[in-house]
Structure formats: C-alpha cells, structure tokens
Amino acid sequence: MLKSVPKPRKLYTPENYCQQTHQRIATQTFPHIACLKLIKRFLFYQQVLAQQPKDKNKIYSLHEPDVYVIAKGKGKGKSKGKDHKQYEYGNKVSIVSTKDNNIIVGVVSHDKTSTILKP
C-alpha cells in the first residue's frame, strides 16, 4: 500500500513575510498608515497607466521610479553588432578616486537636469 505524502510546509520567503506583516498592519494596529501607503501606490500606478508615448518625465521602471533615459552617441566607427544600443536606462554617476591607490573617496548621483562639467 502507498502511504500518503505529507503536505510540505509553507516556505519562509520575504514575500510571505511582507504579506503577513501587511495583513497585520492593515487589520489590527494602524489601518490609516496602511491606507496612506496604498493610496500612494495607487496614485503611482495611475500615473504609469495615464502616461503617453510623447510625454516628458515618464516612469520607465516600476521598481525604481528614479530611472531615466540616457541617449548615447553613435561613436566614431559604425558598429553593426549587438553591443551598440542607442539608449540606456539608469542614472548618471560621478566617482572620485585617489590618484595613486584608486580608493573611492566620493560618489554623486546626478539628476536628469544636472549637467556634468568637463575639466
């Protein structure tokens, strides 16, 4: 005879923990705080759904809303490979390091509107 196999226990994952914590907050302790967070997220998704292709200040990433498009030049040679992409998504960053040891001493993330001055 075959024995019945016991059901596996629910694995502990960050998603399960977040869901349980969210349910506890929403139902028991501070429902108005959970409501404010949900309203903020709802307005964010509403903005994503309402944006048009030619709009400025579009949201390109749901998990990182501060990402923007960086247009790249064609370069000196015409490359026909897969490596050349006309646009990149991300943020511009400046890194300052020491001359001798290459120890990083400063990092700055730039806004869309900021310009990087060349020495």
PDB file of N, CA and C in Angstrom:
ATOM      1  N   MET A   1       0.822  -1.173   0.000  1.00  0.00           N
ATOM      2  CA  MET A   1       0.000   0.000   0.000  1.00  0.00           C
ATOM      3  C   MET A   1       0.872   1.244   0.000  1.00  0.00           C
ATOM      4  N   LEU A   2       0.375   2.255  -0.659  1.00  0.00           N
ATOM      5  CA  LEU A   2       1.085   3.521  -0.720  1.00  0.00           C
ATOM      6  C   LEU A   2       0.690   4.400   0.462  1.00  0.00           C
ATOM      7  N   LYS A   3       1.690   5.001   1.065  1.00  0.00           N
ATOM      8  CA  LYS A   3       1.420   5.920   2.158  1.00  0.00           C
ATOM      9  C   LYS A   3       1.201   7.314   1.584  1.00  0.00           C
ATOM     10  N   SER A   4       0.353   8.049   2.230  1.00  0.00           N
ATOM     11  CA  SER A   4       0.121   9.415   1.762  1.00  0.00           C
ATOM     12  C   SER A   4       1.310  10.292   2.162  1.00  0.00           C
ATOM     13  N   VAL A   5       1.687  11.132   1.248  1.00  0.00           N
ATOM     14  CA  VAL A   5       2.820  12.020   1.480  1.00  0.00           C
ATOM     15  C   VAL A   5       2.306  13.267   2.204  1.00  0.00           C
ATOM     16  N   PRO A   6       2.973  13.666   3.292  1.00  0.00           N
ATOM     17  CA  PRO A   6       2.507  14.868   3.997  1.00  0.00           C
ATOM     18  C   PRO A   6       2.720  16.115   3.139  1.00  0.00           C
ATOM     19  N   LYS A   7       1.859  17.092   3.346  1.00  0.00           N
ATOM     20  CA  LYS A   7       1.970  18.343   2.597  1.00  0.00           C
ATOM     21  C   LYS A   7       3.229  19.079   3.044  1.00  0.00           C
ATOM     22  N   PRO A   8       3.961  19.635   2.105  1.00  0.00           N
ATOM     23  CA  PRO A   8       5.151  20.386   2.509  1.00  0.00           C
ATOM     24  C   PRO A   8       4.753  21.673   3.227  1.00  0.00           C
ATOM     25  N   ARG A   9       5.580  22.056   4.205  1.00  0.00           N
ATOM     26  CA  ARG A   9       5.296  23.280   4.935  1.00  0.00           C
ATOM     27  C   ARG A   9       5.507  24.483   4.028  1.00  0.00           C
ATOM     28  N   LYS A  10       4.830  25.543   4.351  1.00  0.00           N
ATOM     29  CA  LYS A  10       4.975  26.773   3.592  1.00  0.00           C
ATOM     30  C   LYS A  10       6.370  27.338   3.855  1.00  0.00           C
ATOM     31  N   LEU A  11       7.098  27.601   2.788  1.00  0.00           N
ATOM     32  CA  LEU A  11       8.453  28.092   2.932  1.00  0.00           C
ATOM     33  C   LEU A  11       8.458  29.534   3.423  1.00  0.00           C
ATOM     34  N   TYR A  12       9.462  29.853   4.202  1.00  0.00           N
ATOM     35  CA  TYR A  12       9.622  31.214   4.696  1.00  0.00           C
ATOM     36  C   TYR A  12      10.328  32.021   3.613  1.00  0.00           C
ATOM     37  N   THR A  13       9.605  32.903   2.970  1.00  0.00           N
ATOM     38  CA  THR A  13      10.175  33.765   1.946  1.00  0.00           C
ATOM     39  C   THR A  13       9.905  35.216   2.320  1.00  0.00           C
ATOM     40  N   PRO A  14      10.665  36.137   1.769  1.00  0.00           N
ATOM     41  CA  PRO A  14      10.398  37.553   2.051  1.00  0.00           C
ATOM     42  C   PRO A  14       8.999  37.990   1.622  1.00  0.00           C
ATOM     43  N   GLU A  15       8.498  37.407   0.524  1.00  0.00           N
ATOM     44  CA  GLU A  15       7.156  37.766   0.071  1.00  0.00           C
ATOM     45  C   GLU A  15       6.104  37.359   1.096  1.00  0.00           C
ATOM     46  N   ASN A  16       6.239  36.141   1.630  1.00  0.00           N
ATOM     47  CA  ASN A  16       5.285  35.682   2.646  1.00  0.00           C
ATOM     48  C   ASN A  16       5.350  36.566   3.887  1.00  0.00           C
ATOM     49  N   TYR A  17       6.561  36.909   4.297  1.00  0.00           N
ATOM     50  CA  TYR A  17       6.721  37.766   5.467  1.00  0.00           C
ATOM     51  C   TYR A  17       6.068  39.126   5.236  1.00  0.00           C
ATOM     52  N   CYS A  18       6.296  39.701   4.054  1.00  0.00           N
ATOM     53  CA  CYS A  18       5.704  41.011   3.750  1.00  0.00           C
ATOM     54  C   CYS A  18       4.184  40.938   3.714  1.00  0.00           C
ATOM     55  N   GLN A  19       3.656  39.872   3.134  1.00  0.00           N
ATOM     56  CA  GLN A  19       2.203  39.728   3.076  1.00  0.00           C
ATOM     57  C   GLN A  19       1.612  39.611   4.477  1.00  0.00           C
ATOM     58  N   GLN A  20       2.239  38.799   5.322  1.00  0.00           N
ATOM     59  CA  GLN A  20       1.734  38.636   6.678  1.00  0.00           C
ATOM     60  C   GLN A  20       1.820  39.938   7.466  1.00  0.00           C
ATOM     61  N   THR A  21       2.936  40.644   7.329  1.00  0.00           N
ATOM     62  CA  THR A  21       3.096  41.913   8.031  1.00  0.00           C
ATOM     63  C   THR A  21       2.090  42.934   7.537  1.00  0.00           C
ATOM     64  N   HIS A  22       1.889  42.977   6.233  1.00  0.00           N
ATOM     65  CA  HIS A  22       0.927  43.921   5.662  1.00  0.00           C
ATOM     66  C   HIS A  22      -0.480  43.628   6.170  1.00  0.00           C
ATOM     67  N   GLN A  23      -0.841  42.349   6.243  1.00  0.00           N
ATOM     68  CA  GLN A  23      -2.169  41.988   6.737  1.00  0.00           C
ATOM     69  C   GLN A  23      -2.334  42.392   8.196  1.00  0.00           C
ATOM     70  N   ARG A  24      -1.278  42.172   9.003  1.00  0.00           N
ATOM     71  CA  ARG A  24      -1.352  42.559  10.409  1.00  0.00           C
ATOM     72  C   ARG A  24      -1.509  44.066  10.567  1.00  0.00           C
ATOM     73  N   ILE A  25      -0.754  44.814   9.789  1.00  0.00           N
ATOM     74  CA  ILE A  25      -0.845  46.278   9.883  1.00  0.00           C
ATOM     75  C   ILE A  25      -2.212  46.753   9.426  1.00  0.00           C
ATOM     76  N   ALA A  26      -2.696  46.191   8.326  1.00  0.00           N
ATOM     77  CA  ALA A  26      -3.961  46.658   7.756  1.00  0.00           C
ATOM     78  C   ALA A  26      -5.146  46.316   8.646  1.00  0.00           C
ATOM     79  N   THR A  27      -5.107  45.181   9.319  1.00  0.00           N
ATOM     80  CA  THR A  27      -6.285  44.749  10.069  1.00  0.00           C
ATOM     81  C   THR A  27      -6.261  45.156  11.534  1.00  0.00           C
ATOM     82  N   GLN A  28      -5.084  45.207  12.154  1.00  0.00           N
ATOM     83  CA  GLN A  28      -5.061  45.365  13.601  1.00  0.00           C
ATOM     84  C   GLN A  28      -4.580  46.729  14.073  1.00  0.00           C
ATOM     85  N   THR A  29      -3.341  47.056  13.803  1.00  0.00           N
ATOM     86  CA  THR A  29      -2.732  48.155  14.541  1.00  0.00           C
ATOM     87  C   THR A  29      -3.037  49.540  13.978  1.00  0.00           C
ATOM     88  N   PHE A  30      -2.514  49.855  12.822  1.00  0.00           N
ATOM     89  CA  PHE A  30      -2.640  51.209  12.289  1.00  0.00           C
ATOM     90  C   PHE A  30      -3.220  51.169  10.880  1.00  0.00           C
ATOM     91  N   PRO A  31      -4.516  51.033  10.735  1.00  0.00           N
ATOM     92  CA  PRO A  31      -5.075  50.922   9.389  1.00  0.00           C
ATOM     93  C   PRO A  31      -4.915  52.191   8.563  1.00  0.00           C
ATOM     94  N   HIS A  32      -4.854  53.369   9.199  1.00  0.00           N
ATOM     95  CA  HIS A  32      -4.729  54.600   8.420  1.00  0.00           C
ATOM     96  C   HIS A  32      -3.357  54.713   7.756  1.00  0.00           C
ATOM     97  N   ILE A  33      -2.287  54.183   8.385  1.00  0.00           N
ATOM     98  CA  ILE A  33      -0.957  54.208   7.774  1.00  0.00           C
ATOM     99  C   ILE A  33      -0.927  53.289   6.561  1.00  0.00           C
ATOM    100  N   ALA A  34      -1.503  52.098   6.689  1.00  0.00           N
ATOM    101  CA  ALA A  34      -1.556  51.178   5.557  1.00  0.00           C
ATOM    102  C   ALA A  34      -2.376  51.776   4.428  1.00  0.00           C
ATOM    103  N   CYS A  35      -3.437  52.472   4.770  1.00  0.00           N
ATOM    104  CA  CYS A  35      -4.287  53.099   3.761  1.00  0.00           C
ATOM    105  C   CYS A  35      -3.516  54.181   3.011  1.00  0.00           C
ATOM    106  N   LEU A  36      -2.719  54.979   3.717  1.00  0.00           N
ATOM    107  CA  LEU A  36      -1.927  56.016   3.060  1.00  0.00           C
ATOM    108  C   LEU A  36      -0.897  55.420   2.106  1.00  0.00           C
ATOM    109  N   LYS A  37      -0.277  54.311   2.515  1.00  0.00           N
ATOM    110  CA  LYS A  37       0.692  53.654   1.638  1.00  0.00           C
ATOM    111  C   LYS A  37       0.009  53.116   0.386  1.00  0.00           C
ATOM    112  N   LEU A  38      -1.171  52.541   0.563  1.00  0.00           N
ATOM    113  CA  LEU A  38      -1.892  52.012  -0.593  1.00  0.00           C
ATOM    114  C   LEU A  38      -2.342  53.126  -1.527  1.00  0.00           C
ATOM    115  N   ILE A  39      -2.757  54.256  -0.965  1.00  0.00           N
ATOM    116  CA  ILE A  39      -3.168  55.383  -1.806  1.00  0.00           C
ATOM    117  C   ILE A  39      -1.976  55.910  -2.595  1.00  0.00           C
ATOM    118  N   LYS A  40      -0.810  55.998  -1.958  1.00  0.00           N
ATOM    119  CA  LYS A  40       0.395  56.462  -2.650  1.00  0.00           C
ATOM    120  C   LYS A  40       0.750  55.516  -3.796  1.00  0.00           C
ATOM    121  N   ARG A  41       0.692  54.213  -3.541  1.00  0.00           N
ATOM    122  CA  ARG A  41       0.994  53.235  -4.590  1.00  0.00           C
ATOM    123  C   ARG A  41      -0.054  53.288  -5.704  1.00  0.00           C
ATOM    124  N   PHE A  42      -1.323  53.457  -5.335  1.00  0.00           N
ATOM    125  CA  PHE A  42      -2.392  53.553  -6.324  1.00  0.00           C
ATOM    126  C   PHE A  42      -2.170  54.752  -7.240  1.00  0.00           C
ATOM    127  N   LEU A  43      -1.805  55.909  -6.673  1.00  0.00           N
ATOM    128  CA  LEU A  43      -1.555  57.101  -7.483  1.00  0.00           C
ATOM    129  C   LEU A  43      -0.349  56.911  -8.400  1.00  0.00           C
ATOM    130  N   PHE A  44       0.659  56.198  -7.923  1.00  0.00           N
ATOM    131  CA  PHE A  44       1.831  55.907  -8.752  1.00  0.00           C
ATOM    132  C   PHE A  44       1.438  55.062  -9.963  1.00  0.00           C
ATOM    133  N   TYR A  45       0.673  53.987  -9.740  1.00  0.00           N
ATOM    134  CA  TYR A  45       0.251  53.132 -10.850  1.00  0.00           C
ATOM    135  C   TYR A  45      -0.716  53.858 -11.778  1.00  0.00           C
ATOM    136  N   GLN A  46      -1.512  54.754 -11.222  1.00  0.00           N
ATOM    137  CA  GLN A  46      -2.415  55.544 -12.056  1.00  0.00           C
ATOM    138  C   GLN A  46      -1.610  56.455 -12.984  1.00  0.00           C
ATOM    139  N   GLN A  47      -0.519  57.016 -12.472  1.00  0.00           N
ATOM    140  CA  GLN A  47       0.348  57.851 -13.303  1.00  0.00           C
ATOM    141  C   GLN A  47       1.004  57.022 -14.404  1.00  0.00           C
ATOM    142  N   VAL A  48       1.406  55.799 -14.087  1.00  0.00           N
ATOM    143  CA  VAL A  48       2.019  54.925 -15.095  1.00  0.00           C
ATOM    144  C   VAL A  48       1.017  54.594 -16.192  1.00  0.00           C
ATOM    145  N   LEU A  49      -0.204  54.290 -15.820  1.00  0.00           N
ATOM    146  CA  LEU A  49      -1.213  53.925 -16.814  1.00  0.00           C
ATOM    147  C   LEU A  49      -1.652  55.114 -17.655  1.00  0.00           C
ATOM    148  N   ALA A  50      -1.578  56.328 -17.126  1.00  0.00           N
ATOM    149  CA  ALA A  50      -2.047  57.508 -17.847  1.00  0.00           C
ATOM    150  C   ALA A  50      -0.995  58.110 -18.770  1.00  0.00           C
ATOM    151  N   GLN A  51       0.260  57.689 -18.661  1.00  0.00           N
ATOM    152  CA  GLN A  51       1.293  58.334 -19.469  1.00  0.00           C
ATOM    153  C   GLN A  51       1.192  57.932 -20.934  1.00  0.00           C
ATOM    154  N   GLN A  52       1.549  58.882 -21.792  1.00  0.00           N
ATOM    155  CA  GLN A  52       1.502  58.706 -23.242  1.00  0.00           C
ATOM    156  C   GLN A  52       2.930  58.584 -23.778  1.00  0.00           C
ATOM    157  N   PRO A  53       3.111  58.038 -25.002  1.00  0.00           N
ATOM    158  CA  PRO A  53       4.464  57.858 -25.535  1.00  0.00           C
ATOM    159  C   PRO A  53       5.281  59.149 -25.670  1.00  0.00           C
ATOM    160  N   LYS A  54       4.644  60.274 -25.937  1.00  0.00           N
ATOM    161  CA  LYS A  54       5.396  61.519 -26.138  1.00  0.00           C
ATOM    162  C   LYS A  54       5.465  62.383 -24.880  1.00  0.00           C
ATOM    163  N   ASP A  55       4.977  61.908 -23.758  1.00  0.00           N
ATOM    164  CA  ASP A  55       5.038  62.668 -22.511  1.00  0.00           C
ATOM    165  C   ASP A  55       6.478  62.789 -22.025  1.00  0.00           C
ATOM    166  N   LYS A  56       6.748  63.864 -21.284  1.00  0.00           N
ATOM    167  CA  LYS A  56       8.040  64.008 -20.625  1.00  0.00           C
ATOM    168  C   LYS A  56       7.897  63.492 -19.197  1.00  0.00           C
ATOM    169  N   ASN A  57       9.013  63.196 -18.585  1.00  0.00           N
ATOM    170  CA  ASN A  57       9.060  62.683 -17.206  1.00  0.00           C
ATOM    171  C   ASN A  57       8.244  61.403 -17.049  1.00  0.00           C
ATOM    172  N   LYS A  58       8.429  60.476 -17.988  1.00  0.00           N
ATOM    173  CA  LYS A  58       7.742  59.188 -17.896  1.00  0.00           C
ATOM    174  C   LYS A  58       8.422  58.298 -16.862  1.00  0.00           C
ATOM    175  N   ILE A  59       7.687  57.327 -16.382  1.00  0.00           N
ATOM    176  CA  ILE A  59       8.222  56.334 -15.456  1.00  0.00           C
ATOM    177  C   ILE A  59       8.587  55.108 -16.285  1.00  0.00           C
ATOM    178  N   TYR A  60       9.873  54.740 -16.266  1.00  0.00           N
ATOM    179  CA  TYR A  60      10.356  53.634 -17.080  1.00  0.00           C
ATOM    180  C   TYR A  60      10.475  52.334 -16.303  1.00  0.00           C
ATOM    181  N   SER A  61      10.465  52.399 -14.991  1.00  0.00           N
ATOM    182  CA  SER A  61      10.634  51.200 -14.189  1.00  0.00           C
ATOM    183  C   SER A  61       9.723  51.273 -12.971  1.00  0.00           C
ATOM    184  N   LEU A  62       8.969  50.213 -12.728  1.00  0.00           N
ATOM    185  CA  LEU A  62       8.060  50.202 -11.582  1.00  0.00           C
ATOM    186  C   LEU A  62       8.805  50.036 -10.266  1.00  0.00           C
ATOM    187  N   HIS A  63       9.892  49.268 -10.270  1.00  0.00           N
ATOM    188  CA  HIS A  63      10.596  49.032  -9.014  1.00  0.00           C
ATOM    189  C   HIS A  63      11.630  50.113  -8.707  1.00  0.00           C
ATOM    190  N   GLU A  64      12.010  50.927  -9.705  1.00  0.00           N
ATOM    191  CA  GLU A  64      12.957  52.021  -9.489  1.00  0.00           C
ATOM    192  C   GLU A  64      12.482  53.239 -10.272  1.00  0.00           C
ATOM    193  N   PRO A  65      11.590  54.046  -9.698  1.00  0.00           N
ATOM    194  CA  PRO A  65      10.976  55.140 -10.450  1.00  0.00           C
ATOM    195  C   PRO A  65      11.923  56.284 -10.808  1.00  0.00           C
ATOM    196  N   ASP A  66      13.118  56.356 -10.211  1.00  0.00           N
ATOM    197  CA  ASP A  66      14.041  57.448 -10.498  1.00  0.00           C
ATOM    198  C   ASP A  66      14.903  57.209 -11.732  1.00  0.00           C
ATOM    199  N   VAL A  67      14.688  56.130 -12.445  1.00  0.00           N
ATOM    200  CA  VAL A  67      15.457  55.806 -13.644  1.00  0.00           C
ATOM    201  C   VAL A  67      14.992  56.680 -14.798  1.00  0.00           C
ATOM    202  N   TYR A  68      15.934  57.140 -15.628  1.00  0.00           N
ATOM    203  CA  TYR A  68      15.571  57.901 -16.808  1.00  0.00           C
ATOM    204  C   TYR A  68      16.398  57.441 -18.000  1.00  0.00           C
ATOM    205  N   VAL A  69      16.061  57.947 -19.181  1.00  0.00           N
ATOM    206  CA  VAL A  69      16.702  57.521 -20.423  1.00  0.00           C
ATOM    207  C   VAL A  69      17.936  58.375 -20.670  1.00  0.00           C
ATOM    208  N   ILE A  70      19.038  57.722 -21.005  1.00  0.00           N
ATOM    209  CA  ILE A  70      20.268  58.405 -21.369  1.00  0.00           C
ATOM    210  C   ILE A  70      20.532  58.091 -22.836  1.00  0.00           C
ATOM    211  N   ALA A  71      20.508  59.118 -23.687  1.00  0.00           N
ATOM    212  CA  ALA A  71      20.769  58.923 -25.111  1.00  0.00           C
ATOM    213  C   ALA A  71      22.273  58.824 -25.325  1.00  0.00           C
ATOM    214  N   LYS A  72      22.687  57.847 -26.128  1.00  0.00           N
ATOM    215  CA  LYS A  72      24.098  57.657 -26.406  1.00  0.00           C
ATOM    216  C   LYS A  72      24.381  58.075 -27.842  1.00  0.00           C
ATOM    217  N   GLY A  73      25.591  58.505 -28.090  1.00  0.00           N
ATOM    218  CA  GLY A  73      26.004  58.855 -29.443  1.00  0.00           C
ATOM    219  C   GLY A  73      26.308  57.610 -30.255  1.00  0.00           C
ATOM    220  N   LYS A  74      26.525  57.807 -31.548  1.00  0.00           N
ATOM    221  CA  LYS A  74      26.810  56.672 -32.418  1.00  0.00           C
ATOM    222  C   LYS A  74      28.240  56.184 -32.285  1.00  0.00           C
ATOM    223  N   GLY A  75      29.136  57.017 -31.831  1.00  0.00           N
ATOM    224  CA  GLY A  75      30.531  56.615 -31.728  1.00  0.00           C
ATOM    225  C   GLY A  75      31.263  56.942 -33.014  1.00  0.00           C
ATOM    226  N   LYS A  76      32.577  56.712 -33.021  1.00  0.00           N
ATOM    227  CA  LYS A  76      33.396  57.059 -34.185  1.00  0.00           C
ATOM    228  C   LYS A  76      33.208  56.075 -35.323  1.00  0.00           C
ATOM    229  N   GLY A  77      33.185  54.812 -35.022  1.00  0.00           N
ATOM    230  CA  GLY A  77      33.016  53.803 -36.063  1.00  0.00           C
ATOM    231  C   GLY A  77      31.592  53.295 -36.087  1.00  0.00           C
ATOM    232  N   LYS A  78      31.189  52.844 -37.242  1.00  0.00           N
ATOM    233  CA  LYS A  78      29.839  52.287 -37.334  1.00  0.00           C
ATOM    234  C   LYS A  78      29.888  50.832 -36.896  1.00  0.00           C
ATOM    235  N   SER A  79      29.338  50.559 -35.746  1.00  0.00           N
ATOM    236  CA  SER A  79      29.311  49.182 -35.267  1.00  0.00           C
ATOM    237  C   SER A  79      27.956  48.573 -35.595  1.00  0.00           C
ATOM    238  N   LYS A  80      27.983  47.413 -36.172  1.00  0.00           N
ATOM    239  CA  LYS A  80      26.739  46.747 -36.555  1.00  0.00           C
ATOM    240  C   LYS A  80      26.410  45.587 -35.627  1.00  0.00           C
ATOM    241  N   GLY A  81      27.187  45.438 -34.556  1.00  0.00           N
ATOM    242  CA  GLY A  81      26.957  44.322 -33.652  1.00  0.00           C
ATOM    243  C   GLY A  81      25.822  44.584 -32.685  1.00  0.00           C
ATOM    244  N   LYS A  82      25.602  43.619 -31.808  1.00  0.00           N
ATOM    245  CA  LYS A  82      24.527  43.722 -30.821  1.00  0.00           C
ATOM    246  C   LYS A  82      24.879  44.675 -29.684  1.00  0.00           C
ATOM    247  N   ASP A  83      26.169  44.983 -29.523  1.00  0.00           N
ATOM    248  CA  ASP A  83      26.598  45.762 -28.369  1.00  0.00           C
ATOM    249  C   ASP A  83      26.157  47.217 -28.430  1.00  0.00           C
ATOM    250  N   HIS A  84      25.964  47.762 -29.626  1.00  0.00           N
ATOM    251  CA  HIS A  84      25.612  49.177 -29.730  1.00  0.00           C
ATOM    252  C   HIS A  84      24.123  49.361 -29.491  1.00  0.00           C
ATOM    253  N   LYS A  85      23.804  50.142 -28.490  1.00  0.00           N
ATOM    254  CA  LYS A  85      22.414  50.471 -28.196  1.00  0.00           C
ATOM    255  C   LYS A  85      22.288  51.977 -28.197  1.00  0.00           C
ATOM    256  N   GLN A  86      21.210  52.482 -28.748  1.00  0.00           N
ATOM    257  CA  GLN A  86      21.034  53.916 -28.885  1.00  0.00           C
ATOM    258  C   GLN A  86      20.684  54.571 -27.552  1.00  0.00           C
ATOM    259  N   TYR A  87      20.024  53.852 -26.669  1.00  0.00           N
ATOM    260  CA  TYR A  87      19.592  54.408 -25.390  1.00  0.00           C
ATOM    261  C   TYR A  87      19.982  53.481 -24.257  1.00  0.00           C
ATOM    262  N   GLU A  88      20.197  54.079 -23.094  1.00  0.00           N
ATOM    263  CA  GLU A  88      20.405  53.321 -21.866  1.00  0.00           C
ATOM    264  C   GLU A  88      19.440  53.840 -20.821  1.00  0.00           C
ATOM    265  N   TYR A  89      19.105  53.010 -19.873  1.00  0.00           N
ATOM    266  CA  TYR A  89      18.220  53.402 -18.782  1.00  0.00           C
ATOM    267  C   TYR A  89      19.018  53.367 -17.488  1.00  0.00           C
ATOM    268  N   GLY A  90      18.939  54.442 -16.721  1.00  0.00           N
ATOM    269  CA  GLY A  90      19.673  54.481 -15.466  1.00  0.00           C
ATOM    270  C   GLY A  90      19.869  55.891 -14.979  1.00  0.00           C
ATOM    271  N   ASN A  91      20.920  56.097 -14.191  1.00  0.00           N
ATOM    272  CA  ASN A  91      21.277  57.403 -13.657  1.00  0.00           C
ATOM    273  C   ASN A  91      22.736  57.676 -13.980  1.00  0.00           C
ATOM    274  N   LYS A  92      23.070  58.957 -14.150  1.00  0.00           N
ATOM    275  CA  LYS A  92      24.464  59.334 -14.336  1.00  0.00           C
ATOM    276  C   LYS A  92      25.111  59.441 -12.967  1.00  0.00           C
ATOM    277  N   VAL A  93      26.329  58.922 -12.872  1.00  0.00           N
ATOM    278  CA  VAL A  93      27.035  58.896 -11.598  1.00  0.00           C
ATOM    279  C   VAL A  93      28.454  59.404 -11.817  1.00  0.00           C
ATOM    280  N   SER A  94      28.949  60.207 -10.887  1.00  0.00           N
ATOM    281  CA  SER A  94      30.344  60.640 -10.898  1.00  0.00           C
ATOM    282  C   SER A  94      31.053  59.992  -9.720  1.00  0.00           C
ATOM    283  N   ILE A  95      32.232  59.436  -9.994  1.00  0.00           N
ATOM    284  CA  ILE A  95      33.017  58.765  -8.960  1.00  0.00           C
ATOM    285  C   ILE A  95      34.364  59.473  -8.847  1.00  0.00           C
ATOM    286  N   VAL A  96      34.778  59.794  -7.620  1.00  0.00           N
ATOM    287  CA  VAL A  96      36.063  60.443  -7.371  1.00  0.00           C
ATOM    288  C   VAL A  96      36.951  59.447  -6.645  1.00  0.00           C
ATOM    289  N   SER A  97      38.174  59.245  -7.180  1.00  0.00           N
ATOM    290  CA  SER A  97      39.105  58.319  -6.543  1.00  0.00           C
ATOM    291  C   SER A  97      40.478  58.971  -6.431  1.00  0.00           C
ATOM    292  N   THR A  98      41.316  58.419  -5.561  1.00  0.00           N
ATOM    293  CA  THR A  98      42.665  58.945  -5.389  1.00  0.00           C
ATOM    294  C   THR A  98      43.525  58.563  -6.579  1.00  0.00           C
ATOM    295  N   LYS A  99      44.572  59.351  -6.805  1.00  0.00           N
ATOM    296  CA  LYS A  99      45.421  59.144  -7.977  1.00  0.00           C
ATOM    297  C   LYS A  99      46.289  57.895  -7.846  1.00  0.00           C
ATOM    298  N   ASP A 100      46.852  57.685  -6.675  1.00  0.00           N
ATOM    299  CA  ASP A 100      47.820  56.604  -6.508  1.00  0.00           C
ATOM    300  C   ASP A 100      47.176  55.250  -6.224  1.00  0.00           C
ATOM    301  N   ASN A 101      46.222  55.205  -5.300  1.00  0.00           N
ATOM    302  CA  ASN A 101      45.703  53.925  -4.820  1.00  0.00           C
ATOM    303  C   ASN A 101      44.350  53.543  -5.395  1.00  0.00           C
ATOM    304  N   ASN A 102      43.717  54.439  -6.151  1.00  0.00           N
ATOM    305  CA  ASN A 102      42.374  54.203  -6.699  1.00  0.00           C
ATOM    306  C   ASN A 102      41.356  53.873  -5.610  1.00  0.00           C
ATOM    307  N   ILE A 103      41.457  54.557  -4.502  1.00  0.00           N
ATOM    308  CA  ILE A 103      40.475  54.413  -3.433  1.00  0.00           C
ATOM    309  C   ILE A 103      39.355  55.404  -3.706  1.00  0.00           C
ATOM    310  N   ILE A 104      38.128  54.933  -3.698  1.00  0.00           N
ATOM    311  CA  ILE A 104      36.981  55.798  -3.975  1.00  0.00           C
ATOM    312  C   ILE A 104      36.736  56.682  -2.759  1.00  0.00           C
ATOM    313  N   VAL A 105      36.724  58.006  -3.001  1.00  0.00           N
ATOM    314  CA  VAL A 105      36.520  58.949  -1.905  1.00  0.00           C
ATOM    315  C   VAL A 105      35.206  59.703  -2.030  1.00  0.00           C
ATOM    316  N   GLY A 106      34.513  59.576  -3.150  1.00  0.00           N
ATOM    317  CA  GLY A 106      33.239  60.266  -3.298  1.00  0.00           C
ATOM    318  C   GLY A 106      32.440  59.741  -4.471  1.00  0.00           C
ATOM    319  N   VAL A 107      31.123  59.725  -4.294  1.00  0.00           N
ATOM    320  CA  VAL A 107      30.199  59.286  -5.346  1.00  0.00           C
ATOM    321  C   VAL A 107      29.000  60.214  -5.328  1.00  0.00           C
ATOM    322  N   VAL A 108      28.577  60.656  -6.522  1.00  0.00           N
ATOM    323  CA  VAL A 108      27.412  61.530  -6.630  1.00  0.00           C
ATOM    324  C   VAL A 108      26.524  61.004  -7.743  1.00  0.00           C
ATOM    325  N   SER A 109      25.230  60.864  -7.465  1.00  0.00           N
ATOM    326  CA  SER A 109      24.248  60.504  -8.481  1.00  0.00           C
ATOM    327  C   SER A 109      23.590  61.789  -8.968  1.00  0.00           C
ATOM    328  N   HIS A 110      23.576  61.997 -10.285  1.00  0.00           N
ATOM    329  CA  HIS A 110      23.076  63.241 -10.859  1.00  0.00           C
ATOM    330  C   HIS A 110      21.611  63.112 -11.261  1.00  0.00           C
ATOM    331  N   ASP A 111      20.896  64.236 -11.186  1.00  0.00           N
ATOM    332  CA  ASP A 111      19.513  64.301 -11.654  1.00  0.00           C
ATOM    333  C   ASP A 111      19.498  64.332 -13.175  1.00  0.00           C
ATOM    334  N   LYS A 112      18.303  64.284 -13.733  1.00  0.00           N
ATOM    335  CA  LYS A 112      18.158  64.414 -15.181  1.00  0.00           C
ATOM    336  C   LYS A 112      18.644  65.775 -15.647  1.00  0.00           C
ATOM    337  N   THR A 113      18.325  66.797 -14.880  1.00  0.00           N
ATOM    338  CA  THR A 113      18.565  68.163 -15.321  1.00  0.00           C
ATOM    339  C   THR A 113      19.979  68.640 -15.057  1.00  0.00           C
ATOM    340  N   SER A 114      20.734  67.934 -14.238  1.00  0.00           N
ATOM    341  CA  SER A 114      22.074  68.404 -13.917  1.00  0.00           C
ATOM    342  C   SER A 114      23.027  68.121 -15.073  1.00  0.00           C
ATOM    343  N   THR A 115      23.983  69.008 -15.261  1.00  0.00           N
ATOM    344  CA  THR A 115      24.980  68.829 -16.304  1.00  0.00           C
ATOM    345  C   THR A 115      26.305  68.515 -15.651  1.00  0.00           C
ATOM    346  N   ILE A 116      27.090  67.699 -16.310  1.00  0.00           N
ATOM    347  CA  ILE A 116      28.395  67.329 -15.794  1.00  0.00           C
ATOM    348  C   ILE A 116      29.428  68.200 -16.497  1.00  0.00           C
ATOM    349  N   LEU A 117      30.179  68.962 -15.713  1.00  0.00           N
ATOM    350  CA  LEU A 117      31.193  69.844 -16.280  1.00  0.00           C
ATOM    351  C   LEU A 117      32.465  69.062 -16.533  1.00  0.00           C
ATOM    352  N   LYS A 118      33.067  69.286 -17.695  1.00  0.00           N
ATOM    353  CA  LYS A 118      34.321  68.621 -18.022  1.00  0.00           C
ATOM    354  C   LYS A 118      35.474  69.543 -17.653  1.00  0.00           C
ATOM    355  N   PRO A 119      36.581  69.009 -17.112  1.00  0.00           N
ATOM    356  CA  PRO A 119      37.716  69.869 -16.731  1.00  0.00           C
ATOM    357  C   PRO A 119      38.443  70.416 -17.948  1.00  0.00           C
TER     358      PRO A 119
END
